[in-house]
Amino acid sequence: QVQLVESGGGLVQAGGSLRLSCAASGRTFSYSPMGWFRQAPGKEREFVTAITGSGSSIYYADSVKGRFTISRDNAKNTVHLQMHSLQPEDTAVYYCAARTRFYGDYEKDHTYDYWGQGTQVTVSS
C-alpha cells in the first residue's frame, strides 16, 4: 500500500519560512516525478512545484518562483519543500503527490496517482 505522509506545516508570520517534508512508503519513487500542490479555502487545488525522478528538472508556479525550493532524497524516498518569504496568500493545505508517469504535464494534478493527506500552512499578516 502506497502512502505519502506530509509533515512540517504550521503557523508562521509573513516573511517567515517553513520546510515541508513528504515521506513515501509502499513503493519507490526514485525514478518518478513528485510534486507539491496546494488548496486554499474556497479555491481549486493548484500546482506549486514538481521535480523529476533524477532531480535534473524542476518546475515552479510563477507565484512561488524565487521563494520556494523543492528537493528530493531518493535514498530516503522523500521530497522536501523549503518555503521562504511566506505571504498570507500562501495560506493553504499543501499536498504531496507522486506519479508513475515519467514525462510531461507536471502541473496537472490529474496526472498524479498518489496523494498525501495534506498539511496546513497558515501565514499571518
PDB file of N, CA and C in Angstrom:
ATOM      1  N   GLN A   1       0.845  -1.192   0.000  1.00  0.00           N
ATOM      2  CA  GLN A   1       0.000   0.000   0.000  1.00  0.00           C
ATOM      3  C   GLN A   1       0.879   1.241   0.000  1.00  0.00           C
ATOM      4  N   VAL A   2       0.670   2.083  -0.987  1.00  0.00           N
ATOM      5  CA  VAL A   2       1.464   3.296  -1.098  1.00  0.00           C
ATOM      6  C   VAL A   2       0.913   4.370  -0.166  1.00  0.00           C
ATOM      7  N   GLN A   3       1.822   5.007   0.546  1.00  0.00           N
ATOM      8  CA  GLN A   3       1.431   6.123   1.406  1.00  0.00           C
ATOM      9  C   GLN A   3       2.395   7.273   1.231  1.00  0.00           C
ATOM     10  N   LEU A   4       1.844   8.472   1.207  1.00  0.00           N
ATOM     11  CA  LEU A   4       2.626   9.701   1.227  1.00  0.00           C
ATOM     12  C   LEU A   4       2.215  10.454   2.481  1.00  0.00           C
ATOM     13  N   VAL A   5       3.181  10.779   3.302  1.00  0.00           N
ATOM     14  CA  VAL A   5       2.879  11.440   4.566  1.00  0.00           C
ATOM     15  C   VAL A   5       3.645  12.751   4.635  1.00  0.00           C
ATOM     16  N   GLU A   6       2.886  13.846   4.689  1.00  0.00           N
ATOM     17  CA  GLU A   6       3.497  15.168   4.783  1.00  0.00           C
ATOM     18  C   GLU A   6       3.702  15.562   6.240  1.00  0.00           C
ATOM     19  N   SER A   7       4.668  16.422   6.443  1.00  0.00           N
ATOM     20  CA  SER A   7       4.912  16.991   7.760  1.00  0.00           C
ATOM     21  C   SER A   7       5.546  18.363   7.596  1.00  0.00           C
ATOM     22  N   GLY A   8       5.520  19.138   8.671  1.00  0.00           N
ATOM     23  CA  GLY A   8       6.220  20.415   8.660  1.00  0.00           C
ATOM     24  C   GLY A   8       5.351  21.639   8.524  1.00  0.00           C
ATOM     25  N   GLY A   9       4.059  21.455   8.348  1.00  0.00           N
ATOM     26  CA  GLY A   9       3.185  22.612   8.252  1.00  0.00           C
ATOM     27  C   GLY A   9       3.046  23.313   9.586  1.00  0.00           C
ATOM     28  N   GLY A  10       2.411  24.472   9.554  1.00  0.00           N
ATOM     29  CA  GLY A  10       2.205  25.212  10.799  1.00  0.00           C
ATOM     30  C   GLY A  10       1.818  26.643  10.544  1.00  0.00           C
ATOM     31  N   LEU A  11       1.917  27.430  11.604  1.00  0.00           N
ATOM     32  CA  LEU A  11       1.585  28.852  11.562  1.00  0.00           C
ATOM     33  C   LEU A  11       2.874  29.658  11.563  1.00  0.00           C
ATOM     34  N   VAL A  12       2.976  30.614  10.652  1.00  0.00           N
ATOM     35  CA  VAL A  12       4.171  31.446  10.560  1.00  0.00           C
ATOM     36  C   VAL A  12       3.756  32.867  10.196  1.00  0.00           C
ATOM     37  N   GLN A  13       4.540  33.826  10.620  1.00  0.00           N
ATOM     38  CA  GLN A  13       4.259  35.216  10.257  1.00  0.00           C
ATOM     39  C   GLN A  13       4.727  35.501   8.839  1.00  0.00           C
ATOM     40  N   ALA A  14       4.120  36.488   8.244  1.00  0.00           N
ATOM     41  CA  ALA A  14       4.525  36.907   6.901  1.00  0.00           C
ATOM     42  C   ALA A  14       6.021  37.208   6.889  1.00  0.00           C
ATOM     43  N   GLY A  15       6.680  36.736   5.845  1.00  0.00           N
ATOM     44  CA  GLY A  15       8.118  36.891   5.735  1.00  0.00           C
ATOM     45  C   GLY A  15       8.906  35.734   6.305  1.00  0.00           C
ATOM     46  N   GLY A  16       8.217  34.839   6.983  1.00  0.00           N
ATOM     47  CA  GLY A  16       8.877  33.704   7.600  1.00  0.00           C
ATOM     48  C   GLY A  16       9.086  32.543   6.649  1.00  0.00           C
ATOM     49  N   SER A  17       9.602  31.462   7.216  1.00  0.00           N
ATOM     50  CA  SER A  17       9.944  30.279   6.427  1.00  0.00           C
ATOM     51  C   SER A  17       9.376  29.021   7.070  1.00  0.00           C
ATOM     52  N   LEU A  18       9.142  28.031   6.231  1.00  0.00           N
ATOM     53  CA  LEU A  18       8.752  26.705   6.672  1.00  0.00           C
ATOM     54  C   LEU A  18       9.356  25.685   5.726  1.00  0.00           C
ATOM     55  N   ARG A  19       9.566  24.486   6.240  1.00  0.00           N
ATOM     56  CA  ARG A  19      10.058  23.393   5.408  1.00  0.00           C
ATOM     57  C   ARG A  19       9.100  22.214   5.545  1.00  0.00           C
ATOM     58  N   LEU A  20       8.522  21.842   4.424  1.00  0.00           N
ATOM     59  CA  LEU A  20       7.640  20.691   4.386  1.00  0.00           C
ATOM     60  C   LEU A  20       8.402  19.467   3.920  1.00  0.00           C
ATOM     61  N   SER A  21       8.017  18.324   4.453  1.00  0.00           N
ATOM     62  CA  SER A  21       8.607  17.064   4.028  1.00  0.00           C
ATOM     63  C   SER A  21       7.504  16.087   3.669  1.00  0.00           C
ATOM     64  N   CYS A  22       7.834  15.182   2.768  1.00  0.00           N
ATOM     65  CA  CYS A  22       6.895  14.143   2.354  1.00  0.00           C
ATOM     66  C   CYS A  22       7.666  12.831   2.290  1.00  0.00           C
ATOM     67  N   ALA A  23       7.225  11.879   3.078  1.00  0.00           N
ATOM     68  CA  ALA A  23       7.854  10.567   3.109  1.00  0.00           C
ATOM     69  C   ALA A  23       6.954   9.566   2.402  1.00  0.00           C
ATOM     70  N   ALA A  24       7.518   8.880   1.423  1.00  0.00           N
ATOM     71  CA  ALA A  24       6.769   7.884   0.671  1.00  0.00           C
ATOM     72  C   ALA A  24       7.099   6.487   1.175  1.00  0.00           C
ATOM     73  N   SER A  25       6.110   5.638   1.192  1.00  0.00           N
ATOM     74  CA  SER A  25       6.316   4.238   1.569  1.00  0.00           C
ATOM     75  C   SER A  25       5.429   3.362   0.704  1.00  0.00           C
ATOM     76  N   GLY A  26       5.773   2.121   0.627  1.00  0.00           N
ATOM     77  CA  GLY A  26       4.983   1.183  -0.158  1.00  0.00           C
ATOM     78  C   GLY A  26       5.536   0.925  -1.548  1.00  0.00           C
ATOM     79  N   ARG A  27       6.289   1.851  -2.065  1.00  0.00           N
ATOM     80  CA  ARG A  27       6.996   1.666  -3.327  1.00  0.00           C
ATOM     81  C   ARG A  27       8.018   2.787  -3.435  1.00  0.00           C
ATOM     82  N   THR A  28       8.984   2.590  -4.302  1.00  0.00           N
ATOM     83  CA  THR A  28       9.971   3.630  -4.500  1.00  0.00           C
ATOM     84  C   THR A  28       9.537   4.544  -5.640  1.00  0.00           C
ATOM     85  N   PHE A  29       9.805   5.835  -5.452  1.00  0.00           N
ATOM     86  CA  PHE A  29       9.514   6.817  -6.494  1.00  0.00           C
ATOM     87  C   PHE A  29      10.801   7.445  -7.030  1.00  0.00           C
ATOM     88  N   SER A  30      11.890   6.711  -6.868  1.00  0.00           N
ATOM     89  CA  SER A  30      13.188   7.260  -7.254  1.00  0.00           C
ATOM     90  C   SER A  30      13.262   7.643  -8.719  1.00  0.00           C
ATOM     91  N   TYR A  31      12.458   7.006  -9.554  1.00  0.00           N
ATOM     92  CA  TYR A  31      12.523   7.296 -10.985  1.00  0.00           C
ATOM     93  C   TYR A  31      11.323   8.098 -11.464  1.00  0.00           C
ATOM     94  N   SER A  32      10.498   8.531 -10.535  1.00  0.00           N
ATOM     95  CA  SER A  32       9.227   9.148 -10.899  1.00  0.00           C
ATOM     96  C   SER A  32       9.138  10.572 -10.380  1.00  0.00           C
ATOM     97  N   PRO A  33       8.446  11.410 -11.109  1.00  0.00           N
ATOM     98  CA  PRO A  33       8.243  12.783 -10.635  1.00  0.00           C
ATOM     99  C   PRO A  33       7.414  12.823  -9.356  1.00  0.00           C
ATOM    100  N   MET A  34       7.729  13.789  -8.541  1.00  0.00           N
ATOM    101  CA  MET A  34       6.928  14.091  -7.363  1.00  0.00           C
ATOM    102  C   MET A  34       6.684  15.588  -7.344  1.00  0.00           C
ATOM    103  N   GLY A  35       5.610  15.979  -6.689  1.00  0.00           N
ATOM    104  CA  GLY A  35       5.281  17.394  -6.698  1.00  0.00           C
ATOM    105  C   GLY A  35       4.528  17.824  -5.460  1.00  0.00           C
ATOM    106  N   TRP A  36       4.328  19.117  -5.391  1.00  0.00           N
ATOM    107  CA  TRP A  36       3.528  19.724  -4.335  1.00  0.00           C
ATOM    108  C   TRP A  36       2.422  20.555  -4.974  1.00  0.00           C
ATOM    109  N   PHE A  37       1.248  20.414  -4.416  1.00  0.00           N
ATOM    110  CA  PHE A  37       0.095  21.213  -4.798  1.00  0.00           C
ATOM    111  C   PHE A  37      -0.458  21.855  -3.531  1.00  0.00           C
ATOM    112  N   ARG A  38      -1.296  22.840  -3.687  1.00  0.00           N
ATOM    113  CA  ARG A  38      -1.920  23.454  -2.520  1.00  0.00           C
ATOM    114  C   ARG A  38      -3.351  23.845  -2.836  1.00  0.00           C
ATOM    115  N   GLN A  39      -4.142  23.924  -1.787  1.00  0.00           N
ATOM    116  CA  GLN A  39      -5.528  24.324  -1.943  1.00  0.00           C
ATOM    117  C   GLN A  39      -5.902  25.267  -0.819  1.00  0.00           C
ATOM    118  N   ALA A  40      -6.241  26.484  -1.205  1.00  0.00           N
ATOM    119  CA  ALA A  40      -6.682  27.483  -0.244  1.00  0.00           C
ATOM    120  C   ALA A  40      -8.202  27.383  -0.074  1.00  0.00           C
ATOM    121  N   PRO A  41      -8.730  27.865   1.022  1.00  0.00           N
ATOM    122  CA  PRO A  41     -10.185  27.799   1.246  1.00  0.00           C
ATOM    123  C   PRO A  41     -10.959  28.464   0.116  1.00  0.00           C
ATOM    124  N   GLY A  42     -11.930  27.750  -0.414  1.00  0.00           N
ATOM    125  CA  GLY A  42     -12.771  28.300  -1.460  1.00  0.00           C
ATOM    126  C   GLY A  42     -12.145  28.340  -2.841  1.00  0.00           C
ATOM    127  N   LYS A  43     -10.952  27.762  -2.955  1.00  0.00           N
ATOM    128  CA  LYS A  43     -10.261  27.788  -4.246  1.00  0.00           C
ATOM    129  C   LYS A  43      -9.953  26.372  -4.710  1.00  0.00           C
ATOM    130  N   GLU A  44      -9.658  26.257  -5.998  1.00  0.00           N
ATOM    131  CA  GLU A  44      -9.287  24.967  -6.539  1.00  0.00           C
ATOM    132  C   GLU A  44      -7.840  24.634  -6.155  1.00  0.00           C
ATOM    133  N   ARG A  45      -7.544  23.353  -6.169  1.00  0.00           N
ATOM    134  CA  ARG A  45      -6.175  22.921  -5.917  1.00  0.00           C
ATOM    135  C   ARG A  45      -5.282  23.432  -7.044  1.00  0.00           C
ATOM    136  N   GLU A  46      -4.105  23.936  -6.684  1.00  0.00           N
ATOM    137  CA  GLU A  46      -3.211  24.488  -7.696  1.00  0.00           C
ATOM    138  C   GLU A  46      -1.810  23.908  -7.568  1.00  0.00           C
ATOM    139  N   PHE A  47      -1.130  23.895  -8.689  1.00  0.00           N
ATOM    140  CA  PHE A  47       0.239  23.402  -8.770  1.00  0.00           C
ATOM    141  C   PHE A  47       1.178  24.367  -8.063  1.00  0.00           C
ATOM    142  N   VAL A  48       2.140  23.813  -7.338  1.00  0.00           N
ATOM    143  CA  VAL A  48       3.176  24.613  -6.703  1.00  0.00           C
ATOM    144  C   VAL A  48       4.538  24.331  -7.341  1.00  0.00           C
ATOM    145  N   THR A  49       4.936  23.065  -7.340  1.00  0.00           N
ATOM    146  CA  THR A  49       6.250  22.711  -7.858  1.00  0.00           C
ATOM    147  C   THR A  49       6.316  21.212  -8.101  1.00  0.00           C
ATOM    148  N   ALA A  50       7.235  20.799  -8.981  1.00  0.00           N
ATOM    149  CA  ALA A  50       7.450  19.384  -9.248  1.00  0.00           C
ATOM    150  C   ALA A  50       8.921  19.155  -9.569  1.00  0.00           C
ATOM    151  N   ILE A  51       9.352  17.928  -9.319  1.00  0.00           N
ATOM    152  CA  ILE A  51      10.745  17.561  -9.568  1.00  0.00           C
ATOM    153  C   ILE A  51      10.755  16.192 -10.222  1.00  0.00           C
ATOM    154  N   THR A  52      11.589  16.030 -11.233  1.00  0.00           N
ATOM    155  CA  THR A  52      11.691  14.748 -11.902  1.00  0.00           C
ATOM    156  C   THR A  52      12.423  13.724 -11.028  1.00  0.00           C
ATOM    157  N   GLY A  53      12.384  12.468 -11.452  1.00  0.00           N
ATOM    158  CA  GLY A  53      12.936  11.408 -10.630  1.00  0.00           C
ATOM    159  C   GLY A  53      14.401  11.608 -10.296  1.00  0.00           C
ATOM    160  N   SER A  54      15.164  12.038 -11.269  1.00  0.00           N
ATOM    161  CA  SER A  54      16.602  12.254 -11.050  1.00  0.00           C
ATOM    162  C   SER A  54      16.887  13.568 -10.355  1.00  0.00           C
ATOM    163  N   GLY A  55      15.884  14.439 -10.331  1.00  0.00           N
ATOM    164  CA  GLY A  55      16.087  15.780  -9.789  1.00  0.00           C
ATOM    165  C   GLY A  55      16.693  16.749 -10.779  1.00  0.00           C
ATOM    166  N   SER A  56      16.868  16.310 -12.016  1.00  0.00           N
ATOM    167  CA  SER A  56      17.541  17.145 -13.006  1.00  0.00           C
ATOM    168  C   SER A  56      16.646  18.254 -13.548  1.00  0.00           C
ATOM    169  N   SER A  57      15.337  18.080 -13.436  1.00  0.00           N
ATOM    170  CA  SER A  57      14.409  19.109 -13.905  1.00  0.00           C
ATOM    171  C   SER A  57      13.431  19.452 -12.787  1.00  0.00           C
ATOM    172  N   ILE A  58      13.239  20.754 -12.625  1.00  0.00           N
ATOM    173  CA  ILE A  58      12.358  21.267 -11.579  1.00  0.00           C
ATOM    174  C   ILE A  58      11.447  22.319 -12.191  1.00  0.00           C
ATOM    175  N   TYR A  59      10.218  22.341 -11.747  1.00  0.00           N
ATOM    176  CA  TYR A  59       9.215  23.263 -12.280  1.00  0.00           C
ATOM    177  C   TYR A  59       8.539  23.976 -11.108  1.00  0.00           C
ATOM    178  N   TYR A  60       8.297  25.259 -11.275  1.00  0.00           N
ATOM    179  CA  TYR A  60       7.649  26.050 -10.243  1.00  0.00           C
ATOM    180  C   TYR A  60       6.501  26.859 -10.829  1.00  0.00           C
ATOM    181  N   ALA A  61       5.465  27.039 -10.031  1.00  0.00           N
ATOM    182  CA  ALA A  61       4.441  28.013 -10.380  1.00  0.00           C
ATOM    183  C   ALA A  61       5.063  29.404 -10.286  1.00  0.00           C
ATOM    184  N   ASP A  62       4.601  30.302 -11.134  1.00  0.00           N
ATOM    185  CA  ASP A  62       5.157  31.656 -11.130  1.00  0.00           C
ATOM    186  C   ASP A  62       5.030  32.315  -9.759  1.00  0.00           C
ATOM    187  N   SER A  63       3.971  31.988  -9.052  1.00  0.00           N
ATOM    188  CA  SER A  63       3.700  32.641  -7.768  1.00  0.00           C
ATOM    189  C   SER A  63       4.713  32.285  -6.684  1.00  0.00           C
ATOM    190  N   VAL A  64       5.469  31.209  -6.886  1.00  0.00           N
ATOM    191  CA  VAL A  64       6.410  30.792  -5.838  1.00  0.00           C
ATOM    192  C   VAL A  64       7.864  30.831  -6.297  1.00  0.00           C
ATOM    193  N   LYS A  65       8.100  31.124  -7.542  1.00  0.00           N
ATOM    194  CA  LYS A  65       9.479  31.163  -8.057  1.00  0.00           C
ATOM    195  C   LYS A  65      10.330  32.132  -7.255  1.00  0.00           C
ATOM    196  N   GLY A  66      11.510  31.683  -6.920  1.00  0.00           N
ATOM    197  CA  GLY A  66      12.431  32.527  -6.168  1.00  0.00           C
ATOM    198  C   GLY A  66      12.206  32.488  -4.672  1.00  0.00           C
ATOM    199  N   ARG A  67      11.096  31.906  -4.233  1.00  0.00           N
ATOM    200  CA  ARG A  67      10.800  31.820  -2.802  1.00  0.00           C
ATOM    201  C   ARG A  67      10.777  30.373  -2.298  1.00  0.00           C
ATOM    202  N   PHE A  68      10.323  29.463  -3.140  1.00  0.00           N
ATOM    203  CA  PHE A  68      10.193  28.055  -2.758  1.00  0.00           C
ATOM    204  C   PHE A  68      11.250  27.235  -3.476  1.00  0.00           C
ATOM    205  N   THR A  69      11.709  26.179  -2.809  1.00  0.00           N
ATOM    206  CA  THR A  69      12.676  25.262  -3.402  1.00  0.00           C
ATOM    207  C   THR A  69      12.265  23.833  -3.106  1.00  0.00           C
ATOM    208  N   ILE A  70      12.148  23.033  -4.152  1.00  0.00           N
ATOM    209  CA  ILE A  70      11.843  21.612  -3.982  1.00  0.00           C
ATOM    210  C   ILE A  70      13.138  20.820  -4.086  1.00  0.00           C
ATOM    211  N   SER A  71      13.221  19.754  -3.305  1.00  0.00           N
ATOM    212  CA  SER A  71      14.375  18.866  -3.380  1.00  0.00           C
ATOM    213  C   SER A  71      13.899  17.463  -3.037  1.00  0.00           C
ATOM    214  N   ARG A  72      14.721  16.479  -3.368  1.00  0.00           N
ATOM    215  CA  ARG A  72      14.358  15.109  -3.051  1.00  0.00           C
ATOM    216  C   ARG A  72      15.569  14.318  -2.619  1.00  0.00           C
ATOM    217  N   ASP A  73      15.310  13.305  -1.825  1.00  0.00           N
ATOM    218  CA  ASP A  73      16.349  12.379  -1.379  1.00  0.00           C
ATOM    219  C   ASP A  73      15.855  10.990  -1.761  1.00  0.00           C
ATOM    220  N   ASN A  74      16.342  10.478  -2.872  1.00  0.00           N
ATOM    221  CA  ASN A  74      15.840   9.193  -3.363  1.00  0.00           C
ATOM    222  C   ASN A  74      16.236   8.032  -2.459  1.00  0.00           C
ATOM    223  N   ALA A  75      17.336   8.172  -1.769  1.00  0.00           N
ATOM    224  CA  ALA A  75      17.754   7.106  -0.854  1.00  0.00           C
ATOM    225  C   ALA A  75      16.747   6.943   0.288  1.00  0.00           C
ATOM    226  N   LYS A  76      16.106   8.053   0.648  1.00  0.00           N
ATOM    227  CA  LYS A  76      15.140   8.028   1.737  1.00  0.00           C
ATOM    228  C   LYS A  76      13.697   8.084   1.237  1.00  0.00           C
ATOM    229  N   ASN A  77      13.529   8.139  -0.093  1.00  0.00           N
ATOM    230  CA  ASN A  77      12.187   8.180  -0.678  1.00  0.00           C
ATOM    231  C   ASN A  77      11.385   9.371  -0.136  1.00  0.00           C
ATOM    232  N   THR A  78      12.045  10.510  -0.074  1.00  0.00           N
ATOM    233  CA  THR A  78      11.413  11.700   0.475  1.00  0.00           C
ATOM    234  C   THR A  78      11.567  12.882  -0.480  1.00  0.00           C
ATOM    235  N   VAL A  79      10.683  13.823  -0.335  1.00  0.00           N
ATOM    236  CA  VAL A  79      10.758  15.080  -1.072  1.00  0.00           C
ATOM    237  C   VAL A  79      10.484  16.213  -0.081  1.00  0.00           C
ATOM    238  N   HIS A  80      11.151  17.326  -0.294  1.00  0.00           N
ATOM    239  CA  HIS A  80      11.028  18.452   0.620  1.00  0.00           C
ATOM    240  C   HIS A  80      10.610  19.707  -0.124  1.00  0.00           C
ATOM    241  N   LEU A  81       9.991  20.614   0.608  1.00  0.00           N
ATOM    242  CA  LEU A  81       9.633  21.916   0.053  1.00  0.00           C
ATOM    243  C   LEU A  81      10.071  22.977   1.049  1.00  0.00           C
ATOM    244  N   GLN A  82      11.108  23.706   0.692  1.00  0.00           N
ATOM    245  CA  GLN A  82      11.589  24.811   1.522  1.00  0.00           C
ATOM    246  C   GLN A  82      10.895  26.071   1.053  1.00  0.00           C
ATOM    247  N   MET A  83      10.219  26.738   1.982  1.00  0.00           N
ATOM    248  CA  MET A  83       9.450  27.936   1.631  1.00  0.00           C
ATOM    249  C   MET A  83       9.990  29.130   2.403  1.00  0.00           C
ATOM    250  N   HIS A  84      10.346  30.160   1.673  1.00  0.00           N
ATOM    251  CA  HIS A  84      10.846  31.407   2.264  1.00  0.00           C
ATOM    252  C   HIS A  84       9.916  32.552   1.872  1.00  0.00           C
ATOM    253  N   SER A  85      10.074  33.661   2.590  1.00  0.00           N
ATOM    254  CA  SER A  85       9.299  34.880   2.296  1.00  0.00           C
ATOM    255  C   SER A  85       7.814  34.575   2.151  1.00  0.00           C
ATOM    256  N   LEU A  86       7.300  33.810   3.072  1.00  0.00           N
ATOM    257  CA  LEU A  86       5.892  33.412   3.006  1.00  0.00           C
ATOM    258  C   LEU A  86       4.971  34.607   3.163  1.00  0.00           C
ATOM    259  N   GLN A  87       3.878  34.570   2.431  1.00  0.00           N
ATOM    260  CA  GLN A  87       2.893  35.636   2.445  1.00  0.00           C
ATOM    261  C   GLN A  87       1.526  35.056   2.790  1.00  0.00           C
ATOM    262  N   PRO A  88       0.604  35.894   3.253  1.00  0.00           N
ATOM    263  CA  PRO A  88      -0.733  35.379   3.595  1.00  0.00           C
ATOM    264  C   PRO A  88      -1.396  34.614   2.456  1.00  0.00           C
ATOM    265  N   GLU A  89      -1.102  34.996   1.233  1.00  0.00           N
ATOM    266  CA  GLU A  89      -1.708  34.298   0.093  1.00  0.00           C
ATOM    267  C   GLU A  89      -1.145  32.900  -0.115  1.00  0.00           C
ATOM    268  N   ASP A  90      -0.101  32.550   0.627  1.00  0.00           N
ATOM    269  CA  ASP A  90       0.435  31.188   0.581  1.00  0.00           C
ATOM    270  C   ASP A  90      -0.322  30.261   1.529  1.00  0.00           C
ATOM    271  N   THR A  91      -1.221  30.808   2.317  1.00  0.00           N
ATOM    272  CA  THR A  91      -2.004  30.004   3.235  1.00  0.00           C
ATOM    273  C   THR A  91      -2.845  28.995   2.473  1.00  0.00           C
ATOM    274  N   ALA A  92      -2.688  27.725   2.827  1.00  0.00           N
ATOM    275  CA  ALA A  92      -3.384  26.656   2.120  1.00  0.00           C
ATOM    276  C   ALA A  92      -3.043  25.324   2.776  1.00  0.00           C
ATOM    277  N   VAL A  93      -3.759  24.303   2.360  1.00  0.00           N
ATOM    278  CA  VAL A  93      -3.345  22.935   2.668  1.00  0.00           C
ATOM    279  C   VAL A  93      -2.414  22.501   1.541  1.00  0.00           C
ATOM    280  N   TYR A  94      -1.247  22.043   1.913  1.00  0.00           N
ATOM    281  CA  TYR A  94      -0.236  21.625   0.942  1.00  0.00           C
ATOM    282  C   TYR A  94      -0.233  20.107   0.845  1.00  0.00           C
ATOM    283  N   TYR A  95      -0.290  19.628  -0.401  1.00  0.00           N
ATOM    284  CA  TYR A  95      -0.350  18.202  -0.667  1.00  0.00           C
ATOM    285  C   TYR A  95       0.888  17.744  -1.435  1.00  0.00           C
ATOM    286  N   CYS A  96       1.428  16.639  -0.997  1.00  0.00           N
ATOM    287  CA  CYS A  96       2.488  15.963  -1.724  1.00  0.00           C
ATOM    288  C   CYS A  96       1.841  14.986  -2.710  1.00  0.00           C
ATOM    289  N   ALA A  97       2.439  14.859  -3.882  1.00  0.00           N
ATOM    290  CA  ALA A  97       1.885  13.967  -4.894  1.00  0.00           C
ATOM    291  C   ALA A  97       3.006  13.226  -5.603  1.00  0.00           C
ATOM    292  N   ALA A  98       2.691  12.029  -6.059  1.00  0.00           N
ATOM    293  CA  ALA A  98       3.657  11.235  -6.812  1.00  0.00           C
ATOM    294  C   ALA A  98       2.923  10.522  -7.941  1.00  0.00           C
ATOM    295  N   ARG A  99       3.665  10.164  -8.958  1.00  0.00           N
ATOM    296  CA  ARG A  99       3.010   9.512 -10.067  1.00  0.00           C
ATOM    297  C   ARG A  99       3.934   8.496 -10.718  1.00  0.00           C
ATOM    298  N   THR A 100       3.357   7.642 -11.540  1.00  0.00           N
ATOM    299  CA  THR A 100       4.135   6.654 -12.266  1.00  0.00           C
ATOM    300  C   THR A 100       4.508   7.141 -13.663  1.00  0.00           C
ATOM    301  N   ARG A 101       3.767   8.080 -14.181  1.00  0.00           N
ATOM    302  CA  ARG A 101       4.100   8.653 -15.497  1.00  0.00           C
ATOM    303  C   ARG A 101       5.383   9.462 -15.377  1.00  0.00           C
ATOM    304  N   PHE A 102       6.292   9.286 -16.349  1.00  0.00           N
ATOM    305  CA  PHE A 102       7.602   9.911 -16.223  1.00  0.00           C
ATOM    306  C   PHE A 102       7.627  11.358 -16.702  1.00  0.00           C
ATOM    307  N   TYR A 103       7.011  11.606 -17.862  1.00  0.00           N
ATOM    308  CA  TYR A 103       7.268  12.887 -18.516  1.00  0.00           C
ATOM    309  C   TYR A 103       6.008  13.708 -18.752  1.00  0.00           C
ATOM    310  N   GLY A 104       6.168  15.019 -18.684  1.00  0.00           N
ATOM    311  CA  GLY A 104       5.173  15.962 -19.150  1.00  0.00           C
ATOM    312  C   GLY A 104       4.047  16.270 -18.179  1.00  0.00           C
ATOM    313  N   ASP A 105       3.408  17.420 -18.435  1.00  0.00           N
ATOM    314  CA  ASP A 105       2.204  17.827 -17.695  1.00  0.00           C
ATOM    315  C   ASP A 105       2.413  17.800 -16.192  1.00  0.00           C
ATOM    316  N   TYR A 106       3.552  18.241 -15.735  1.00  0.00           N
ATOM    317  CA  TYR A 106       3.869  18.172 -14.307  1.00  0.00           C
ATOM    318  C   TYR A 106       2.929  19.025 -13.471  1.00  0.00           C
ATOM    319  N   GLU A 107       2.352  20.052 -14.094  1.00  0.00           N
ATOM    320  CA  GLU A 107       1.499  20.972 -13.349  1.00  0.00           C
ATOM    321  C   GLU A 107       0.046  20.500 -13.261  1.00  0.00           C
ATOM    322  N   LYS A 108      -0.270  19.395 -13.902  1.00  0.00           N
ATOM    323  CA  LYS A 108      -1.658  18.920 -13.954  1.00  0.00           C
ATOM    324  C   LYS A 108      -1.890  17.859 -12.885  1.00  0.00           C
ATOM    325  N   ASP A 109      -2.777  18.167 -11.959  1.00  0.00           N
ATOM    326  CA  ASP A 109      -2.939  17.270 -10.817  1.00  0.00           C
ATOM    327  C   ASP A 109      -3.510  15.906 -11.219  1.00  0.00           C
ATOM    328  N   HIS A 110      -4.250  15.851 -12.313  1.00  0.00           N
ATOM    329  CA  HIS A 110      -4.850  14.567 -12.685  1.00  0.00           C
ATOM    330  C   HIS A 110      -3.815  13.569 -13.195  1.00  0.00           C
ATOM    331  N   THR A 111      -2.589  14.021 -13.424  1.00  0.00           N
ATOM    332  CA  THR A 111      -1.543  13.091 -13.883  1.00  0.00           C
ATOM    333  C   THR A 111      -0.852  12.387 -12.711  1.00  0.00           C
ATOM    334  N   TYR A 112      -1.188  12.764 -11.486  1.00  0.00           N
ATOM    335  CA  TYR A 112      -0.574  12.161 -10.306  1.00  0.00           C
ATOM    336  C   TYR A 112      -1.456  11.045  -9.767  1.00  0.00           C
ATOM    337  N   ASP A 113      -0.805   9.955  -9.362  1.00  0.00           N
ATOM    338  CA  ASP A 113      -1.527   8.755  -8.932  1.00  0.00           C
ATOM    339  C   ASP A 113      -1.694   8.664  -7.421  1.00  0.00           C
ATOM    340  N   TYR A 114      -0.788   9.264  -6.695  1.00  0.00           N
ATOM    341  CA  TYR A 114      -0.772   9.103  -5.243  1.00  0.00           C
ATOM    342  C   TYR A 114      -0.712  10.479  -4.582  1.00  0.00           C
ATOM    343  N   TRP A 115      -1.440  10.611  -3.476  1.00  0.00           N
ATOM    344  CA  TRP A 115      -1.541  11.878  -2.773  1.00  0.00           C
ATOM    345  C   TRP A 115      -1.405  11.669  -1.269  1.00  0.00           C
ATOM    346  N   GLY A 116      -0.780  12.647  -0.623  1.00  0.00           N
ATOM    347  CA  GLY A 116      -0.757  12.655   0.826  1.00  0.00           C
ATOM    348  C   GLY A 116      -2.052  13.236   1.375  1.00  0.00           C
ATOM    349  N   GLN A 117      -2.137  13.253   2.682  1.00  0.00           N
ATOM    350  CA  GLN A 117      -3.347  13.724   3.329  1.00  0.00           C
ATOM    351  C   GLN A 117      -3.375  15.243   3.464  1.00  0.00           C
ATOM    352  N   GLY A 118      -2.239  15.867   3.248  1.00  0.00           N
ATOM    353  CA  GLY A 118      -2.161  17.319   3.301  1.00  0.00           C
ATOM    354  C   GLY A 118      -1.668  17.834   4.640  1.00  0.00           C
ATOM    355  N   THR A 119      -1.006  18.977   4.593  1.00  0.00           N
ATOM    356  CA  THR A 119      -0.547  19.634   5.807  1.00  0.00           C
ATOM    357  C   THR A 119      -0.882  21.122   5.700  1.00  0.00           C
ATOM    358  N   GLN A 120      -1.404  21.681   6.782  1.00  0.00           N
ATOM    359  CA  GLN A 120      -1.869  23.064   6.757  1.00  0.00           C
ATOM    360  C   GLN A 120      -0.706  24.024   6.940  1.00  0.00           C
ATOM    361  N   VAL A 121      -0.658  25.016   6.078  1.00  0.00           N
ATOM    362  CA  VAL A 121       0.283  26.124   6.211  1.00  0.00           C
ATOM    363  C   VAL A 121      -0.545  27.400   6.343  1.00  0.00           C
ATOM    364  N   THR A 122      -0.335  28.111   7.428  1.00  0.00           N
ATOM    365  CA  THR A 122      -1.060  29.353   7.662  1.00  0.00           C
ATOM    366  C   THR A 122      -0.056  30.472   7.868  1.00  0.00           C
ATOM    367  N   VAL A 123      -0.199  31.521   7.070  1.00  0.00           N
ATOM    368  CA  VAL A 123       0.709  32.664   7.149  1.00  0.00           C
ATOM    369  C   VAL A 123      -0.092  33.867   7.630  1.00  0.00           C
ATOM    370  N   SER A 124       0.299  34.398   8.773  1.00  0.00           N
ATOM    371  CA  SER A 124      -0.413  35.543   9.339  1.00  0.00           C
ATOM    372  C   SER A 124       0.245  36.847   8.892  1.00  0.00           C
ATOM    373  N   SER A 125      -0.586  37.860   8.750  1.00  0.00           N
ATOM    374  CA  SER A 125      -0.068  39.167   8.295  1.00  0.00           C
ATOM    375  C   SER A 125       0.363  40.031   9.468  1.00  0.00           C
TER     376      SER A 125
END
